[in-house]
Amino acid sequence: MPDANRLDVLKTYKLFIDGKFPRTESGRTMIVNARDGAVLAHACKASRKDLREAVEAARKAQAGWSAATAYLRGQIIYRIAEMLEGRRAEFVQTLDSVGAGSKTANAKPARSKSAPSHAEREVTASVDRLVAFAGWADKFAQVLGCNNPVAGPFYNFTVPEASGVVAVVCPDELPLLGLVSLLAPVICSGNAAVVLASERNPLPAAILGEVLATGDLPGGVVNILTGERKELLPFVSAHRDIDAIHAGGMNADEARLLREGSAENVKRVCVRTLDAAAWYDADECHSPWWIEPFVDMKTMWHPASV
């Protein structure tokens, strides 16, 4: 029987910037509702200034992260997967409580007791995706790079290098798997990231920030903002210190907005248009070609001994 005198204090999830958990400078929050409409939690509503500070933190951290050995980056990402698995129950409960925002996703279909729930399946796929890109961290260069045949006594090599700071704009549906799928190829190649979480269900992203803060990932490599797309996307698109954008689940107007901004500041924009089933497809989403848009190719010439 519920205790009528019990007072539940709802959690307010903070932003994750530079390895810390600041409140938004604007002081605004947004309500996160459960499936039944009850207030589940509050999340900070990030502002343009918060975005600027997140980009500055990412830029400061990116050089050190890119300079780390590929093997070390892979080990750290694998550790993130382990810690996500360790908080599986919390992620499952959050995904089950809120849903992805659509009527289909929010419905609770009948299932056998032995079958995993949608939330359990999403968490499992997220862990697998992190493990996959942890493995690619010290291998993608061999796939994307090459030894070029040239005339003359030279060796000619093309090798990938991290682009810099990448904005990750998450889909509303599959808020954890979508985030991990877009983020993992960005950071495994040495980029730093500024993440705009799912607007409908920002809680998995906020909890992932807590996972990152207690892991081995250097502060500033991943920064997570919760807020409204319509408010932040124009500034993400136009920001001159963001080198690329990796987005999923955008409608036509949002995708056009991101691409129009790149015309002024020449950033790369990669918008994934996957249906719900495709986000679970390992052949599609574990590919090293998901890394390719976020690296620049450097060609080096070296004299060969004669």
C-alpha atoms as a PDB file:
ATOM      1  CA  MET A   1       0.000   0.000   0.000  1.00  0.00           C
ATOM      2  CA  PRO A   2       1.491   3.390  -0.995  1.00  0.00           C
ATOM      3  CA  ASP A   3       2.579   5.705   1.807  1.00  0.00           C
ATOM      4  CA  ALA A   4       0.460   8.852   1.632  1.00  0.00           C
ATOM      5  CA  ASN A   5       3.086  10.757   3.624  1.00  0.00           C
ATOM      6  CA  ARG A   6       5.974   9.847   1.309  1.00  0.00           C
ATOM      7  CA  LEU A   7       7.465  12.665  -0.718  1.00  0.00           C
ATOM      8  CA  ASP A   8       9.242  11.644  -3.926  1.00  0.00           C
ATOM      9  CA  VAL A   9      11.902  14.123  -5.013  1.00  0.00           C
ATOM     10  CA  LEU A  10      12.249  13.974  -8.796  1.00  0.00           C
ATOM     11  CA  LYS A  11      15.751  14.020 -10.202  1.00  0.00           C
ATOM     12  CA  THR A  12      16.899  16.865 -12.421  1.00  0.00           C
ATOM     13  CA  TYR A  13      19.434  15.523 -14.912  1.00  0.00           C
ATOM     14  CA  LYS A  14      22.257  17.957 -15.655  1.00  0.00           C
ATOM     15  CA  LEU A  15      24.261  18.593 -18.798  1.00  0.00           C
ATOM     16  CA  PHE A  16      27.594  16.827 -19.263  1.00  0.00           C
ATOM     17  CA  ILE A  17      30.321  19.258 -20.331  1.00  0.00           C
ATOM     18  CA  ASP A  18      34.083  18.874 -19.924  1.00  0.00           C
ATOM     19  CA  GLY A  19      33.650  15.873 -17.636  1.00  0.00           C
ATOM     20  CA  LYS A  20      31.428  17.825 -15.250  1.00  0.00           C
ATOM     21  CA  PHE A  21      27.678  18.118 -14.659  1.00  0.00           C
ATOM     22  CA  PRO A  22      26.719  21.800 -14.841  1.00  0.00           C
ATOM     23  CA  ARG A  23      23.200  23.136 -14.895  1.00  0.00           C
ATOM     24  CA  THR A  24      22.266  25.086 -17.980  1.00  0.00           C
ATOM     25  CA  GLU A  25      23.284  28.728 -17.719  1.00  0.00           C
ATOM     26  CA  SER A  26      19.719  29.699 -18.613  1.00  0.00           C
ATOM     27  CA  GLY A  27      18.296  27.936 -15.564  1.00  0.00           C
ATOM     28  CA  ARG A  28      15.616  26.243 -17.695  1.00  0.00           C
ATOM     29  CA  THR A  29      14.428  22.662 -17.413  1.00  0.00           C
ATOM     30  CA  MET A  30      12.009  20.452 -19.306  1.00  0.00           C
ATOM     31  CA  ILE A  31       9.724  17.765 -17.970  1.00  0.00           C
ATOM     32  CA  VAL A  32      10.214  14.134 -18.964  1.00  0.00           C
ATOM     33  CA  ASN A  33       6.944  12.236 -18.777  1.00  0.00           C
ATOM     34  CA  ALA A  34       6.421   8.515 -18.301  1.00  0.00           C
ATOM     35  CA  ARG A  35       4.190   6.518 -20.638  1.00  0.00           C
ATOM     36  CA  ASP A  36       1.167   7.179 -18.456  1.00  0.00           C
ATOM     37  CA  GLY A  37       1.772  10.938 -18.483  1.00  0.00           C
ATOM     38  CA  ALA A  38       3.178  11.126 -14.963  1.00  0.00           C
ATOM     39  CA  VAL A  39       6.191  13.358 -14.393  1.00  0.00           C
ATOM     40  CA  LEU A  40       9.216  11.078 -14.262  1.00  0.00           C
ATOM     41  CA  ALA A  41      12.134  13.522 -14.086  1.00  0.00           C
ATOM     42  CA  HIS A  42      13.403  16.885 -15.194  1.00  0.00           C
ATOM     43  CA  ALA A  43      16.215  17.561 -17.659  1.00  0.00           C
ATOM     44  CA  CYS A  44      18.154  20.736 -18.280  1.00  0.00           C
ATOM     45  CA  LYS A  45      17.195  22.663 -21.411  1.00  0.00           C
ATOM     46  CA  ALA A  46      20.515  23.659 -22.962  1.00  0.00           C
ATOM     47  CA  SER A  47      21.011  27.099 -24.484  1.00  0.00           C
ATOM     48  CA  ARG A  48      23.235  28.508 -27.213  1.00  0.00           C
ATOM     49  CA  LYS A  49      25.810  29.416 -24.554  1.00  0.00           C
ATOM     50  CA  ASP A  50      25.853  25.836 -23.269  1.00  0.00           C
ATOM     51  CA  LEU A  51      26.507  24.655 -26.839  1.00  0.00           C
ATOM     52  CA  ARG A  52      29.391  27.093 -27.167  1.00  0.00           C
ATOM     53  CA  GLU A  53      30.950  25.887 -23.919  1.00  0.00           C
ATOM     54  CA  ALA A  54      30.545  22.252 -24.996  1.00  0.00           C
ATOM     55  CA  VAL A  55      32.305  22.966 -28.303  1.00  0.00           C
ATOM     56  CA  GLU A  56      35.135  24.742 -26.487  1.00  0.00           C
ATOM     57  CA  ALA A  57      35.560  21.781 -24.146  1.00  0.00           C
ATOM     58  CA  ALA A  58      35.560  19.361 -27.081  1.00  0.00           C
ATOM     59  CA  ARG A  59      38.135  21.401 -28.978  1.00  0.00           C
ATOM     60  CA  LYS A  60      40.406  21.534 -25.940  1.00  0.00           C
ATOM     61  CA  ALA A  61      40.196  17.762 -25.405  1.00  0.00           C
ATOM     62  CA  GLN A  62      40.361  16.606 -29.019  1.00  0.00           C
ATOM     63  CA  ALA A  63      44.094  16.944 -29.622  1.00  0.00           C
ATOM     64  CA  GLY A  64      44.996  14.770 -26.653  1.00  0.00           C
ATOM     65  CA  TRP A  65      42.372  12.167 -27.519  1.00  0.00           C
ATOM     66  CA  SER A  66      43.537  11.991 -31.131  1.00  0.00           C
ATOM     67  CA  ALA A  67      47.163  11.695 -29.994  1.00  0.00           C
ATOM     68  CA  ALA A  68      46.351   8.710 -27.760  1.00  0.00           C
ATOM     69  CA  THR A  69      47.210   5.355 -29.264  1.00  0.00           C
ATOM     70  CA  ALA A  70      44.439   3.690 -31.222  1.00  0.00           C
ATOM     71  CA  TYR A  71      44.750   0.675 -28.934  1.00  0.00           C
ATOM     72  CA  LEU A  72      44.130   2.871 -25.871  1.00  0.00           C
ATOM     73  CA  ARG A  73      41.072   4.477 -27.460  1.00  0.00           C
ATOM     74  CA  GLY A  74      39.718   1.008 -28.163  1.00  0.00           C
ATOM     75  CA  GLN A  75      40.314  -0.075 -24.569  1.00  0.00           C
ATOM     76  CA  ILE A  76      38.514   2.989 -23.196  1.00  0.00           C
ATOM     77  CA  ILE A  77      35.507   2.491 -25.479  1.00  0.00           C
ATOM     78  CA  TYR A  78      35.391  -1.160 -24.453  1.00  0.00           C
ATOM     79  CA  ARG A  79      35.388  -0.022 -20.818  1.00  0.00           C
ATOM     80  CA  ILE A  80      32.399   2.222 -21.585  1.00  0.00           C
ATOM     81  CA  ALA A  81      30.599  -0.844 -22.954  1.00  0.00           C
ATOM     82  CA  GLU A  82      31.376  -2.748 -19.751  1.00  0.00           C
ATOM     83  CA  MET A  83      30.041   0.064 -17.591  1.00  0.00           C
ATOM     84  CA  LEU A  84      26.911   0.428 -19.701  1.00  0.00           C
ATOM     85  CA  GLU A  85      26.326  -3.290 -19.229  1.00  0.00           C
ATOM     86  CA  GLY A  86      26.843  -2.827 -15.490  1.00  0.00           C
ATOM     87  CA  ARG A  87      23.985  -0.310 -15.408  1.00  0.00           C
ATOM     88  CA  ARG A  88      21.776  -2.364 -17.704  1.00  0.00           C
ATOM     89  CA  ALA A  89      18.847  -2.473 -15.266  1.00  0.00           C
ATOM     90  CA  GLU A  90      18.772   1.324 -14.971  1.00  0.00           C
ATOM     91  CA  PHE A  91      18.863   1.838 -18.731  1.00  0.00           C
ATOM     92  CA  VAL A  92      16.162  -0.787 -19.294  1.00  0.00           C
ATOM     93  CA  GLN A  93      13.922   0.765 -16.656  1.00  0.00           C
ATOM     94  CA  THR A  94      14.381   4.236 -18.141  1.00  0.00           C
ATOM     95  CA  LEU A  95      13.667   3.088 -21.690  1.00  0.00           C
ATOM     96  CA  ASP A  96      10.635   1.088 -20.540  1.00  0.00           C
ATOM     97  CA  SER A  97       9.277   3.938 -18.426  1.00  0.00           C
ATOM     98  CA  VAL A  98       9.509   6.661 -21.062  1.00  0.00           C
ATOM     99  CA  GLY A  99       9.519   4.858 -24.392  1.00  0.00           C
ATOM    100  CA  ALA A 100      10.822   6.395 -27.582  1.00  0.00           C
ATOM    101  CA  GLY A 101       8.060   8.909 -28.022  1.00  0.00           C
ATOM    102  CA  SER A 102       6.003   7.350 -30.817  1.00  0.00           C
ATOM    103  CA  LYS A 103       2.723   5.528 -30.342  1.00  0.00           C
ATOM    104  CA  THR A 104       4.230   2.353 -31.710  1.00  0.00           C
ATOM    105  CA  ALA A 105       7.318   2.525 -29.545  1.00  0.00           C
ATOM    106  CA  ASN A 106       5.389   3.475 -26.428  1.00  0.00           C
ATOM    107  CA  ALA A 107       2.973   0.617 -26.724  1.00  0.00           C
ATOM    108  CA  LYS A 108       3.743  -2.449 -24.647  1.00  0.00           C
ATOM    109  CA  PRO A 109       3.115  -5.393 -26.940  1.00  0.00           C
ATOM    110  CA  ALA A 110       2.358  -8.780 -25.487  1.00  0.00           C
ATOM    111  CA  ARG A 111       5.399 -11.034 -25.365  1.00  0.00           C
ATOM    112  CA  SER A 112       6.421 -14.307 -23.873  1.00  0.00           C
ATOM    113  CA  LYS A 113       8.244 -14.273 -20.574  1.00  0.00           C
ATOM    114  CA  SER A 114      11.375 -15.605 -22.253  1.00  0.00           C
ATOM    115  CA  ALA A 115      11.488 -12.958 -25.000  1.00  0.00           C
ATOM    116  CA  PRO A 116      13.525  -9.802 -24.279  1.00  0.00           C
ATOM    117  CA  SER A 117      11.659  -6.504 -24.105  1.00  0.00           C
ATOM    118  CA  HIS A 118      12.309  -3.727 -26.626  1.00  0.00           C
ATOM    119  CA  ALA A 119      14.319  -1.919 -23.961  1.00  0.00           C
ATOM    120  CA  GLU A 120      16.450  -4.963 -23.154  1.00  0.00           C
ATOM    121  CA  ARG A 121      17.110  -5.513 -26.851  1.00  0.00           C
ATOM    122  CA  GLU A 122      18.117  -1.864 -27.293  1.00  0.00           C
ATOM    123  CA  VAL A 123      20.577  -1.976 -24.400  1.00  0.00           C
ATOM    124  CA  THR A 124      22.105  -5.232 -25.665  1.00  0.00           C
ATOM    125  CA  ALA A 125      22.544  -3.786 -29.155  1.00  0.00           C
ATOM    126  CA  SER A 126      24.106  -0.625 -27.686  1.00  0.00           C
ATOM    127  CA  VAL A 127      26.690  -2.635 -25.757  1.00  0.00           C
ATOM    128  CA  ASP A 128      27.483  -4.697 -28.875  1.00  0.00           C
ATOM    129  CA  ARG A 129      27.919  -1.529 -30.947  1.00  0.00           C
ATOM    130  CA  LEU A 130      30.415  -0.050 -28.511  1.00  0.00           C
ATOM    131  CA  VAL A 131      32.372  -3.305 -28.489  1.00  0.00           C
ATOM    132  CA  ALA A 132      32.386  -3.379 -32.297  1.00  0.00           C
ATOM    133  CA  PHE A 133      33.827   0.128 -32.632  1.00  0.00           C
ATOM    134  CA  ALA A 134      36.262  -0.490 -29.793  1.00  0.00           C
ATOM    135  CA  GLY A 135      37.598  -3.222 -32.052  1.00  0.00           C
ATOM    136  CA  TRP A 136      37.729  -0.929 -35.082  1.00  0.00           C
ATOM    137  CA  ALA A 137      39.750   1.759 -33.249  1.00  0.00           C
ATOM    138  CA  ASP A 138      43.116   0.251 -34.197  1.00  0.00           C
ATOM    139  CA  LYS A 139      41.983  -1.397 -37.434  1.00  0.00           C
ATOM    140  CA  PHE A 140      39.942   1.095 -39.473  1.00  0.00           C
ATOM    141  CA  ALA A 141      43.086   2.855 -40.725  1.00  0.00           C
ATOM    142  CA  GLN A 142      44.134  -0.311 -42.563  1.00  0.00           C
ATOM    143  CA  VAL A 143      40.731  -0.462 -44.265  1.00  0.00           C
ATOM    144  CA  LEU A 144      40.334   3.215 -45.153  1.00  0.00           C
ATOM    145  CA  GLY A 145      44.014   3.949 -45.810  1.00  0.00           C
ATOM    146  CA  CYS A 146      46.283   2.478 -48.452  1.00  0.00           C
ATOM    147  CA  ASN A 147      49.759   2.198 -49.934  1.00  0.00           C
ATOM    148  CA  ASN A 148      49.490   3.954 -53.297  1.00  0.00           C
ATOM    149  CA  PRO A 149      51.395   2.746 -56.381  1.00  0.00           C
ATOM    150  CA  VAL A 150      53.451   5.653 -57.771  1.00  0.00           C
ATOM    151  CA  ALA A 151      56.118   6.095 -60.420  1.00  0.00           C
ATOM    152  CA  GLY A 152      59.588   6.781 -59.101  1.00  0.00           C
ATOM    153  CA  PRO A 153      61.633   5.777 -56.054  1.00  0.00           C
ATOM    154  CA  PHE A 154      59.016   6.698 -53.468  1.00  0.00           C
ATOM    155  CA  TYR A 155      56.620   5.161 -51.012  1.00  0.00           C
ATOM    156  CA  ASN A 156      53.225   6.861 -51.026  1.00  0.00           C
ATOM    157  CA  PHE A 157      50.818   6.315 -48.130  1.00  0.00           C
ATOM    158  CA  THR A 158      47.303   7.624 -47.497  1.00  0.00           C
ATOM    159  CA  VAL A 159      46.243   7.530 -43.846  1.00  0.00           C
ATOM    160  CA  PRO A 160      43.085   8.770 -42.088  1.00  0.00           C
ATOM    161  CA  GLU A 161      43.212  11.476 -39.431  1.00  0.00           C
ATOM    162  CA  ALA A 162      40.412  12.669 -37.135  1.00  0.00           C
ATOM    163  CA  SER A 163      38.494  15.674 -38.448  1.00  0.00           C
ATOM    164  CA  GLY A 164      38.205  17.401 -35.054  1.00  0.00           C
ATOM    165  CA  VAL A 165      34.954  18.259 -33.284  1.00  0.00           C
ATOM    166  CA  VAL A 166      31.810  16.458 -34.441  1.00  0.00           C
ATOM    167  CA  ALA A 167      28.231  17.306 -33.451  1.00  0.00           C
ATOM    168  CA  VAL A 168      26.094  14.200 -32.886  1.00  0.00           C
ATOM    169  CA  VAL A 169      22.350  14.806 -33.242  1.00  0.00           C
ATOM    170  CA  CYS A 170      20.389  11.834 -31.925  1.00  0.00           C
ATOM    171  CA  PRO A 171      17.098  10.410 -33.203  1.00  0.00           C
ATOM    172  CA  ASP A 172      14.024  10.539 -30.984  1.00  0.00           C
ATOM    173  CA  GLU A 173      13.323   6.851 -31.416  1.00  0.00           C
ATOM    174  CA  LEU A 174      15.821   4.356 -30.021  1.00  0.00           C
ATOM    175  CA  PRO A 175      17.337   7.132 -27.889  1.00  0.00           C
ATOM    176  CA  LEU A 176      20.143   4.959 -26.517  1.00  0.00           C
ATOM    177  CA  LEU A 177      20.989   2.813 -29.537  1.00  0.00           C
ATOM    178  CA  GLY A 178      20.742   5.794 -31.877  1.00  0.00           C
ATOM    179  CA  LEU A 179      23.088   7.810 -29.668  1.00  0.00           C
ATOM    180  CA  VAL A 180      25.661   5.027 -29.330  1.00  0.00           C
ATOM    181  CA  SER A 181      25.513   4.188 -33.048  1.00  0.00           C
ATOM    182  CA  LEU A 182      26.211   7.801 -34.031  1.00  0.00           C
ATOM    183  CA  LEU A 183      28.771   8.485 -31.297  1.00  0.00           C
ATOM    184  CA  ALA A 184      30.982   5.366 -31.387  1.00  0.00           C
ATOM    185  CA  PRO A 185      32.400   5.814 -34.921  1.00  0.00           C
ATOM    186  CA  VAL A 186      33.100   9.466 -34.138  1.00  0.00           C
ATOM    187  CA  ILE A 187      35.177   8.949 -31.009  1.00  0.00           C
ATOM    188  CA  CYS A 188      36.911   5.708 -31.993  1.00  0.00           C
ATOM    189  CA  SER A 189      38.705   7.607 -34.764  1.00  0.00           C
ATOM    190  CA  GLY A 190      40.008  10.320 -32.423  1.00  0.00           C
ATOM    191  CA  ASN A 191      37.336  12.999 -32.736  1.00  0.00           C
ATOM    192  CA  ALA A 192      35.692  14.789 -29.827  1.00  0.00           C
ATOM    193  CA  ALA A 193      31.897  15.029 -29.782  1.00  0.00           C
ATOM    194  CA  VAL A 194      29.119  17.377 -28.765  1.00  0.00           C
ATOM    195  CA  VAL A 195      25.929  15.334 -28.437  1.00  0.00           C
ATOM    196  CA  LEU A 196      22.403  16.714 -28.719  1.00  0.00           C
ATOM    197  CA  ALA A 197      20.304  14.045 -27.033  1.00  0.00           C
ATOM    198  CA  SER A 198      16.887  12.790 -28.056  1.00  0.00           C
ATOM    199  CA  GLU A 199      14.367  15.498 -27.247  1.00  0.00           C
ATOM    200  CA  ARG A 200      11.526  13.096 -26.439  1.00  0.00           C
ATOM    201  CA  ASN A 201      13.580  10.874 -24.151  1.00  0.00           C
ATOM    202  CA  PRO A 202      16.835  12.535 -23.044  1.00  0.00           C
ATOM    203  CA  LEU A 203      17.297  10.348 -19.967  1.00  0.00           C
ATOM    204  CA  PRO A 204      19.398   7.547 -21.565  1.00  0.00           C
ATOM    205  CA  ALA A 205      21.838  10.197 -22.810  1.00  0.00           C
ATOM    206  CA  ALA A 206      21.971  11.839 -19.395  1.00  0.00           C
ATOM    207  CA  ILE A 207      22.654   8.492 -17.711  1.00  0.00           C
ATOM    208  CA  LEU A 208      25.308   7.717 -20.326  1.00  0.00           C
ATOM    209  CA  GLY A 209      27.014  10.932 -19.241  1.00  0.00           C
ATOM    210  CA  GLU A 210      27.207   9.482 -15.715  1.00  0.00           C
ATOM    211  CA  VAL A 211      28.764   6.320 -17.188  1.00  0.00           C
ATOM    212  CA  LEU A 212      31.368   8.362 -19.087  1.00  0.00           C
ATOM    213  CA  ALA A 213      32.222  10.466 -16.045  1.00  0.00           C
ATOM    214  CA  THR A 214      33.195   7.409 -14.011  1.00  0.00           C
ATOM    215  CA  GLY A 215      35.110   5.707 -16.807  1.00  0.00           C
ATOM    216  CA  ASP A 216      38.509   6.381 -18.323  1.00  0.00           C
ATOM    217  CA  LEU A 217      37.329   8.755 -21.052  1.00  0.00           C
ATOM    218  CA  PRO A 218      39.141  12.116 -20.718  1.00  0.00           C
ATOM    219  CA  GLY A 219      36.906  15.042 -19.840  1.00  0.00           C
ATOM    220  CA  GLY A 220      35.653  16.983 -22.837  1.00  0.00           C
ATOM    221  CA  VAL A 221      35.943  14.164 -25.379  1.00  0.00           C
ATOM    222  CA  VAL A 222      32.179  13.638 -25.166  1.00  0.00           C
ATOM    223  CA  ASN A 223      29.834  16.434 -24.099  1.00  0.00           C
ATOM    224  CA  ILE A 224      26.087  15.835 -23.817  1.00  0.00           C
ATOM    225  CA  LEU A 225      23.366  18.476 -24.106  1.00  0.00           C
ATOM    226  CA  THR A 226      19.659  17.963 -23.514  1.00  0.00           C
ATOM    227  CA  GLY A 227      17.224  20.443 -25.011  1.00  0.00           C
ATOM    228  CA  GLU A 228      15.068  21.363 -27.982  1.00  0.00           C
ATOM    229  CA  ARG A 229      16.194  20.641 -31.516  1.00  0.00           C
ATOM    230  CA  LYS A 230      14.475  23.648 -33.033  1.00  0.00           C
ATOM    231  CA  GLU A 231      16.395  25.929 -30.690  1.00  0.00           C
ATOM    232  CA  LEU A 232      19.858  24.375 -31.008  1.00  0.00           C
ATOM    233  CA  LEU A 233      20.057  22.983 -34.551  1.00  0.00           C
ATOM    234  CA  PRO A 234      20.560  26.395 -36.241  1.00  0.00           C
ATOM    235  CA  PHE A 235      23.572  27.066 -34.016  1.00  0.00           C
ATOM    236  CA  VAL A 236      24.945  23.542 -34.500  1.00  0.00           C
ATOM    237  CA  SER A 237      24.659  24.045 -38.248  1.00  0.00           C
ATOM    238  CA  ALA A 238      26.284  27.491 -38.291  1.00  0.00           C
ATOM    239  CA  HIS A 239      28.994  26.981 -35.654  1.00  0.00           C
ATOM    240  CA  ARG A 240      32.391  27.468 -37.311  1.00  0.00           C
ATOM    241  CA  ASP A 241      34.311  25.390 -34.785  1.00  0.00           C
ATOM    242  CA  ILE A 242      32.230  22.255 -35.437  1.00  0.00           C
ATOM    243  CA  ASP A 243      33.983  20.313 -38.179  1.00  0.00           C
ATOM    244  CA  ALA A 244      31.294  17.735 -38.974  1.00  0.00           C
ATOM    245  CA  ILE A 245      27.784  16.624 -38.048  1.00  0.00           C
ATOM    246  CA  HIS A 246      26.545  13.055 -37.579  1.00  0.00           C
ATOM    247  CA  ALA A 247      22.755  12.981 -37.298  1.00  0.00           C
ATOM    248  CA  GLY A 248      19.926  10.461 -37.383  1.00  0.00           C
ATOM    249  CA  GLY A 249      16.151  10.605 -37.423  1.00  0.00           C
ATOM    250  CA  MET A 250      15.960  14.092 -38.950  1.00  0.00           C
ATOM    251  CA  ASN A 251      12.926  15.241 -40.861  1.00  0.00           C
ATOM    252  CA  ALA A 252      13.409  16.909 -44.248  1.00  0.00           C
ATOM    253  CA  ASP A 253      13.470  20.452 -42.846  1.00  0.00           C
ATOM    254  CA  GLU A 254      16.006  19.578 -40.145  1.00  0.00           C
ATOM    255  CA  ALA A 255      18.286  17.786 -42.605  1.00  0.00           C
ATOM    256  CA  ARG A 256      18.117  20.744 -44.983  1.00  0.00           C
ATOM    257  CA  LEU A 257      18.944  23.149 -42.139  1.00  0.00           C
ATOM    258  CA  LEU A 258      22.054  21.173 -41.237  1.00  0.00           C
ATOM    259  CA  ARG A 259      23.238  21.035 -44.835  1.00  0.00           C
ATOM    260  CA  GLU A 260      22.563  24.721 -45.485  1.00  0.00           C
ATOM    261  CA  GLY A 261      24.817  25.650 -42.589  1.00  0.00           C
ATOM    262  CA  SER A 262      27.625  23.548 -44.007  1.00  0.00           C
ATOM    263  CA  ALA A 263      27.513  25.580 -47.214  1.00  0.00           C
ATOM    264  CA  GLU A 264      28.805  28.594 -45.285  1.00  0.00           C
ATOM    265  CA  ASN A 265      31.445  26.924 -43.124  1.00  0.00           C
ATOM    266  CA  VAL A 266      32.259  23.811 -45.201  1.00  0.00           C
ATOM    267  CA  LYS A 267      31.617  21.209 -42.504  1.00  0.00           C
ATOM    268  CA  ARG A 268      30.731  17.644 -43.401  1.00  0.00           C
ATOM    269  CA  VAL A 269      27.146  16.611 -42.752  1.00  0.00           C
ATOM    270  CA  CYS A 270      26.136  12.946 -42.588  1.00  0.00           C
ATOM    271  CA  VAL A 271      22.429  12.333 -41.949  1.00  0.00           C
ATOM    272  CA  ARG A 272      21.455   8.683 -41.437  1.00  0.00           C
ATOM    273  CA  THR A 273      18.018   7.711 -42.733  1.00  0.00           C
ATOM    274  CA  LEU A 274      17.476   4.299 -41.155  1.00  0.00           C
ATOM    275  CA  ASP A 275      14.253   2.661 -40.081  1.00  0.00           C
ATOM    276  CA  ALA A 276      13.975   1.081 -36.641  1.00  0.00           C
ATOM    277  CA  ALA A 277      15.046  -2.371 -37.839  1.00  0.00           C
ATOM    278  CA  ALA A 278      18.130  -1.052 -39.615  1.00  0.00           C
ATOM    279  CA  TRP A 279      19.542   0.473 -36.411  1.00  0.00           C
ATOM    280  CA  TYR A 280      19.825  -3.102 -35.111  1.00  0.00           C
ATOM    281  CA  ASP A 281      21.528  -4.384 -38.272  1.00  0.00           C
ATOM    282  CA  ALA A 282      25.147  -5.182 -37.403  1.00  0.00           C
ATOM    283  CA  ASP A 283      26.180  -5.467 -41.062  1.00  0.00           C
ATOM    284  CA  GLU A 284      24.906  -1.940 -41.646  1.00  0.00           C
ATOM    285  CA  CYS A 285      25.867  -0.174 -38.423  1.00  0.00           C
ATOM    286  CA  HIS A 286      29.123  -1.916 -37.434  1.00  0.00           C
ATOM    287  CA  SER A 287      30.753  -1.006 -40.728  1.00  0.00           C
ATOM    288  CA  PRO A 288      34.044   0.951 -40.715  1.00  0.00           C
ATOM    289  CA  TRP A 289      32.497   3.101 -43.432  1.00  0.00           C
ATOM    290  CA  TRP A 290      30.504   4.780 -40.653  1.00  0.00           C
ATOM    291  CA  ILE A 291      33.889   6.178 -39.565  1.00  0.00           C
ATOM    292  CA  GLU A 292      34.917   7.456 -42.995  1.00  0.00           C
ATOM    293  CA  PRO A 293      32.901  10.750 -43.026  1.00  0.00           C
ATOM    294  CA  PHE A 294      34.715  11.912 -39.875  1.00  0.00           C
ATOM    295  CA  VAL A 295      38.317  11.469 -40.928  1.00  0.00           C
ATOM    296  CA  ASP A 296      40.465  13.420 -43.358  1.00  0.00           C
ATOM    297  CA  MET A 297      42.879  11.605 -45.638  1.00  0.00           C
ATOM    298  CA  LYS A 298      46.531  12.618 -45.450  1.00  0.00           C
ATOM    299  CA  THR A 299      48.911  11.476 -48.180  1.00  0.00           C
ATOM    300  CA  MET A 300      52.606  11.175 -47.397  1.00  0.00           C
ATOM    301  CA  TRP A 301      55.580  10.668 -49.703  1.00  0.00           C
ATOM    302  CA  HIS A 302      58.726   8.939 -48.498  1.00  0.00           C
ATOM    303  CA  PRO A 303      61.857   8.279 -50.541  1.00  0.00           C
ATOM    304  CA  ALA A 304      62.584   4.619 -51.159  1.00  0.00           C
ATOM    305  CA  SER A 305      66.117   3.316 -50.933  1.00  0.00           C
ATOM    306  CA  VAL A 306      67.636   2.345 -54.286  1.00  0.00           C
END
